[in-house]
Protein backbone atom coordinates (compact mmCIF):
# COMPACT_ATOMS: atom_id res chain seq x y z
CA UNK A 1 124.29 145.67 201.35
CA UNK A 2 125.68 142.52 203.00
CA UNK A 3 127.25 139.35 201.61
CA UNK A 4 126.15 135.74 201.86
CA UNK A 5 128.54 132.92 202.65
CA UNK A 6 129.10 132.32 198.94
CA UNK A 7 130.32 135.90 198.50
CA UNK A 8 127.22 137.03 196.62
CA UNK A 9 125.59 140.31 197.65
CA UNK A 10 122.13 140.17 199.22
CA UNK A 11 119.87 143.20 199.54
CA UNK A 12 118.94 144.04 203.12
CA UNK A 13 115.18 144.07 203.89
CA UNK A 14 115.06 147.84 204.47
CA UNK A 15 116.68 148.35 201.07
CA UNK A 16 114.04 146.04 199.62
CA UNK A 17 111.33 148.28 201.03
CA UNK A 18 113.02 151.28 199.47
CA UNK A 19 113.21 149.47 196.15
CA UNK A 20 109.47 148.82 196.34
CA UNK A 21 108.95 152.53 197.01
CA UNK A 22 110.51 153.24 193.62
CA UNK A 23 107.60 151.42 191.96
CA UNK A 24 105.20 154.10 193.22
CA UNK A 25 104.20 157.42 191.68
CA UNK A 26 105.28 160.36 193.82
CA UNK A 27 103.23 163.51 194.34
CA UNK A 28 103.43 166.39 196.81
CA UNK A 29 100.32 166.57 198.96
CA UNK A 30 101.39 169.41 201.26
CA UNK A 31 103.96 172.18 201.49
CA UNK A 32 104.88 173.91 204.75
CA UNK A 33 107.50 176.62 204.27
CA UNK A 34 110.39 174.91 202.53
CA UNK A 35 109.19 171.42 203.47
CA UNK A 36 107.48 169.48 200.68
CA UNK A 37 105.68 166.37 201.91
CA UNK A 38 105.36 163.55 199.37
CA UNK A 39 102.84 160.77 199.02
CA UNK A 40 103.79 157.57 197.20
CA UNK A 41 100.94 156.07 195.19
CA UNK A 42 100.40 152.53 193.88
CA UNK A 43 97.65 151.81 191.35
CA UNK A 44 96.11 148.35 191.07
CA UNK A 45 96.98 146.45 187.88
CA UNK A 46 94.44 146.76 185.07
CA UNK A 47 93.03 143.26 185.60
CA UNK A 48 92.44 144.02 189.30
CA UNK A 49 91.04 147.54 188.89
CA UNK A 50 87.34 147.59 189.83
CA UNK A 51 84.79 149.17 187.46
CA UNK A 52 83.90 151.73 190.14
CA UNK A 53 85.89 154.30 192.15
CA UNK A 54 88.59 152.53 194.13
CA UNK A 55 88.89 152.16 197.88
CA UNK A 56 92.03 153.66 199.40
CA UNK A 57 94.48 152.42 202.02
CA UNK A 58 96.48 155.41 203.30
CA UNK A 59 99.56 154.42 205.33
CA UNK A 60 101.40 156.48 207.95
CA UNK A 61 104.75 155.04 209.00
CA UNK A 62 105.71 154.14 212.56
CA UNK A 63 107.53 156.78 214.55
CA UNK A 64 107.98 158.29 217.97
CA UNK A 65 107.55 161.60 216.10
CA UNK A 66 111.34 161.76 215.90
CA UNK A 67 112.22 159.52 212.97
CA UNK A 68 110.81 156.83 210.71
CA UNK A 69 110.85 155.59 207.14
CA UNK A 70 108.05 156.25 204.66
CA UNK A 71 109.11 153.02 202.89
CA UNK A 72 108.06 150.95 205.92
CA UNK A 73 104.64 150.03 204.57
CA UNK A 74 105.67 149.67 200.91
CA UNK A 75 105.17 145.86 200.99
CA UNK A 76 101.65 146.37 202.37
CA UNK A 77 100.93 148.93 199.65
CA UNK A 78 102.08 146.60 196.89
CA UNK A 79 99.94 143.79 198.26
CA UNK A 80 96.72 145.78 198.62
CA UNK A 81 97.20 147.37 195.21
CA UNK A 82 97.17 143.80 193.88
CA UNK A 83 93.81 143.41 195.63
CA UNK A 84 92.26 146.29 193.71
CA UNK A 85 92.82 149.19 196.11
CA UNK A 86 94.70 152.39 195.51
CA UNK A 87 97.40 152.45 198.16
CA UNK A 88 99.41 155.39 199.41
CA UNK A 89 102.33 155.92 201.79
CA UNK A 90 102.26 159.43 203.22
CA UNK A 91 105.30 161.18 204.57
CA UNK A 92 104.73 163.50 207.53
CA UNK A 93 106.89 165.79 209.62
CA UNK A 94 109.18 164.26 212.26
CA UNK A 95 111.87 165.87 214.40
CA UNK A 96 114.99 164.38 212.81
CA UNK A 97 114.12 165.21 209.20
CA UNK A 98 111.60 168.02 209.03
CA UNK A 99 111.54 169.59 212.52
CA UNK A 100 108.17 168.10 213.38
CA UNK A 101 106.57 166.53 216.41
CA UNK A 102 103.23 165.04 217.44
CA UNK A 103 101.25 168.19 216.65
CA UNK A 104 102.74 168.46 213.17
CA UNK A 105 102.10 164.76 212.56
CA UNK A 106 98.46 165.17 213.58
CA UNK A 107 98.06 168.18 211.31
CA UNK A 108 99.72 166.41 208.37
CA UNK A 109 97.47 163.35 208.69
CA UNK A 110 94.42 165.61 208.63
CA UNK A 111 95.81 167.38 205.56
CA UNK A 112 96.40 164.03 203.87
CA UNK A 113 92.79 162.93 204.37
CA UNK A 114 91.48 166.19 202.97
CA UNK A 115 93.90 166.02 200.02
CA UNK A 116 92.48 162.61 199.16
CA UNK A 117 88.91 163.80 199.20
CA UNK A 118 89.68 167.04 197.39
CA UNK A 119 91.32 165.06 194.58
CA UNK A 120 88.99 162.05 194.64
CA UNK A 121 87.67 162.46 191.10
CA UNK A 122 91.11 162.96 189.57
CA UNK A 123 92.49 159.99 191.52
CA UNK A 124 89.52 157.77 190.69
CA UNK A 125 88.84 156.92 194.31
CA UNK A 126 85.79 156.62 196.52
CA UNK A 127 86.03 159.38 199.17
CA UNK A 128 83.74 157.32 201.38
CA UNK A 129 86.05 154.29 201.44
CA UNK A 130 89.35 155.55 202.83
CA UNK A 131 91.16 153.39 205.38
CA UNK A 132 93.76 155.13 207.52
CA UNK A 133 96.57 152.76 208.50
CA UNK A 134 99.34 153.67 210.90
CA UNK A 135 101.99 152.35 213.23
CA UNK A 136 102.99 153.79 216.61
CA UNK A 137 103.15 157.62 216.29
CA UNK A 138 101.75 157.37 212.76
CA UNK A 139 98.82 155.45 214.18
CA UNK A 140 98.24 158.24 216.69
CA UNK A 141 98.30 160.80 213.88
CA UNK A 142 95.70 159.10 211.70
CA UNK A 143 93.54 158.03 214.64
CA UNK A 144 93.58 161.68 215.79
CA UNK A 145 92.09 162.65 212.43
CA UNK A 146 89.10 160.51 213.34
CA UNK A 147 88.78 161.58 216.97
CA UNK A 148 90.15 165.06 217.66
CA UNK A 149 89.17 168.57 216.68
CA UNK A 150 91.19 171.75 216.61
CA UNK A 151 94.52 170.25 215.56
CA UNK A 152 94.55 171.55 211.99
CA UNK A 153 97.50 173.37 210.49
CA UNK A 154 96.92 177.07 211.36
CA UNK A 155 97.81 178.18 207.84
CA UNK A 156 95.53 175.66 206.15
CA UNK A 157 91.82 175.97 205.50
CA UNK A 158 89.70 172.87 205.92
CA UNK A 159 87.47 173.89 203.03
CA UNK A 160 84.63 172.12 204.79
CA UNK A 161 86.21 168.74 203.96
CA UNK A 162 86.22 166.17 206.74
CA UNK A 163 89.57 164.59 207.70
CA UNK A 164 87.89 161.55 209.27
CA UNK A 165 88.91 158.24 207.64
CA UNK A 166 86.15 155.70 207.02
CA UNK A 167 88.01 152.92 208.81
CA UNK A 168 91.23 152.52 210.79
CA UNK A 169 93.95 149.89 211.12
CA UNK A 170 96.38 150.57 213.95
CA UNK A 171 99.67 148.75 214.65
CA UNK A 172 101.05 149.06 218.19
CA UNK A 173 99.39 152.49 218.33
CA UNK A 174 100.16 155.39 220.63
CA UNK A 175 96.72 155.92 222.14
CA UNK A 176 97.60 156.96 225.69
CA UNK A 177 99.82 160.05 225.95
CA UNK A 178 99.75 160.19 229.76
CA UNK A 179 102.61 159.21 232.07
CA UNK A 180 101.61 155.56 231.89
CA UNK A 181 101.52 155.59 228.11
CA UNK A 182 103.99 157.02 225.60
CA UNK A 183 105.13 160.42 224.41
CA UNK A 184 104.04 162.81 227.17
CA UNK A 185 107.37 164.64 227.10
CA UNK A 186 107.24 165.09 223.32
CA UNK A 187 104.27 167.45 223.49
CA UNK A 188 104.69 171.18 224.20
CA UNK A 189 103.21 170.68 227.67
CA UNK A 190 101.12 168.25 229.72
CA UNK A 191 97.91 170.09 228.87
CA UNK A 192 98.34 169.57 225.14
CA UNK A 193 99.29 165.93 225.70
CA UNK A 194 96.07 165.50 227.66
CA UNK A 195 94.05 166.99 224.80
CA UNK A 196 95.74 164.56 222.40
CA UNK A 197 95.14 161.52 224.62
CA UNK A 198 92.91 159.36 222.42
CA UNK A 199 91.64 157.15 225.23
CA UNK A 200 90.07 160.28 226.73
CA UNK A 201 88.48 161.18 223.38
CA UNK A 202 86.51 157.98 222.80
CA UNK A 203 82.91 158.64 221.82
CA UNK A 204 80.12 157.04 219.82
CA UNK A 205 80.29 156.93 216.05
CA UNK A 206 84.00 156.22 215.54
CA UNK A 207 85.08 154.50 212.31
CA UNK A 208 85.40 150.70 212.36
CA UNK A 209 88.81 149.98 213.82
CA UNK A 210 91.24 147.05 213.80
CA UNK A 211 94.04 147.22 216.38
CA UNK A 212 97.00 144.81 216.33
CA UNK A 213 99.48 144.96 219.20
CA UNK A 214 102.16 142.72 220.69
CA UNK A 215 101.66 141.94 224.37
CA UNK A 216 105.42 142.21 225.04
CA UNK A 217 105.77 145.71 223.55
CA UNK A 218 108.28 147.60 225.71
CA UNK A 219 107.97 150.88 223.79
CA UNK A 220 104.21 151.49 223.56
CA UNK A 221 102.40 149.61 226.34
CA UNK A 222 99.88 147.02 225.20
CA UNK A 223 97.61 148.16 228.04
CA UNK A 224 96.74 151.30 226.08
CA UNK A 225 95.31 149.31 223.17
CA UNK A 226 93.41 147.03 225.53
CA UNK A 227 91.83 149.97 227.36
CA UNK A 228 91.05 151.75 224.09
CA UNK A 229 89.30 148.71 222.62
CA UNK A 230 87.34 148.07 225.82
CA UNK A 231 86.13 151.66 226.15
CA UNK A 232 85.36 151.96 222.44
CA UNK A 233 83.27 148.78 222.52
CA UNK A 234 81.32 150.21 225.48
CA UNK A 235 80.41 153.13 223.22
CA UNK A 236 79.04 150.60 220.70
CA UNK A 237 81.85 151.20 218.20
CA UNK A 238 83.31 148.37 216.12
CA UNK A 239 86.81 148.08 217.56
CA UNK A 240 88.56 144.75 217.14
CA UNK A 241 91.79 144.10 219.06
CA UNK A 242 94.06 141.25 218.00
CA UNK A 243 96.63 140.41 220.66
CA UNK A 244 99.94 138.99 219.46
CA UNK A 245 101.20 137.10 222.46
CA UNK A 246 104.86 137.64 223.31
CA UNK A 247 105.50 139.98 220.36
CA UNK A 248 107.38 143.25 220.78
CA UNK A 249 107.23 146.65 219.14
CA UNK A 250 107.20 146.59 215.35
CA UNK A 251 106.61 142.81 215.21
CA UNK A 252 104.46 143.19 212.06
CA UNK A 253 107.17 144.62 209.81
CA UNK A 254 108.07 142.69 206.66
CA UNK A 255 111.78 142.97 207.44
CA UNK A 256 111.45 141.47 210.93
CA UNK A 257 109.20 138.43 210.54
CA UNK A 258 107.50 137.30 207.36
CA UNK A 259 105.24 135.07 209.47
CA UNK A 260 103.96 138.01 211.55
CA UNK A 261 103.77 140.25 208.50
CA UNK A 262 101.64 137.64 206.74
CA UNK A 263 99.38 137.11 209.75
CA UNK A 264 98.68 140.82 210.20
CA UNK A 265 98.24 141.39 206.47
CA UNK A 266 95.67 138.61 206.20
CA UNK A 267 93.82 140.07 209.20
CA UNK A 268 93.70 143.40 207.36
CA UNK A 269 92.50 141.69 204.18
CA UNK A 270 89.64 139.99 206.04
CA UNK A 271 88.71 143.27 207.72
CA UNK A 272 88.61 145.13 204.40
CA UNK A 273 86.46 142.41 202.84
CA UNK A 274 84.10 142.52 205.82
CA UNK A 275 83.70 146.29 205.41
CA UNK A 276 83.11 145.99 201.67
CA UNK A 277 86.30 147.86 200.74
CA UNK A 278 87.62 144.99 198.61
CA UNK A 279 86.05 141.91 197.07
CA UNK A 280 86.63 138.43 198.48
CA UNK A 281 89.33 136.65 196.51
CA UNK A 282 89.90 132.93 197.08
CA UNK A 283 93.23 133.25 195.29
CA UNK A 284 94.44 136.13 197.47
CA UNK A 285 97.68 135.16 199.11
CA UNK A 286 101.21 136.21 199.71
CA UNK A 287 104.47 135.56 198.02
CA UNK A 288 107.86 136.66 199.27
CA UNK A 289 109.37 139.50 197.32
CA UNK A 290 112.36 138.52 195.21
């Protein structure tokens, strides 16, 4: 909490995100030992609920696999719920809270995708219209679900259910885990980091992907997204890269710049409409949260 010049308290943006998180329904999607991983779920309002199983936007918060806030994407979830989607913010294991790292994050994202499909009927969702959305390390985790094999939780059976999302939206994503990218030292060894390097894993048939990255990112190099998009396009995949000139890491967050938040959100909206995940809405727009 901080105070304005008139002496009246004003809620900080991060607190606002946490307040929005309270409007969601919480469920546990995975338990590992004594760690219970929650997912926060927003339903569209009745007047916006489609007469068919809903599309899903599944969000994985930004991290370097060390820390991060599951409330980060709460404003995005609230907005896309208002557009008729079921939206979800998934927690996953990180070092500072749940003794996790990149391998645990990858496994948790795969578990989350399978949990969605396993519970599709109960949730009222379309298991063929799931968008995985992530930032930074969370983007690596959900993109790995689409591209890598063999990174499942050892104690968990796949049940024959695919963890591959039907589309991806990636914010300043960790895609290159080599020395010139990000996160090499956070893997058990260089060999595992090489196996988890998504630029090396590009092949035909990847889900449609939207990448948004600031060119002045000093944490996760923009060059990784550029190379990923170029190589993916060569494989005839739909991979759209939007460059945000001069923007740094995390530029898209609601609590940093409403202008950038709005620009990236509208790009997502157009992408979802293009893919047939939501209906066009001439009245769709943004309003600042009170």
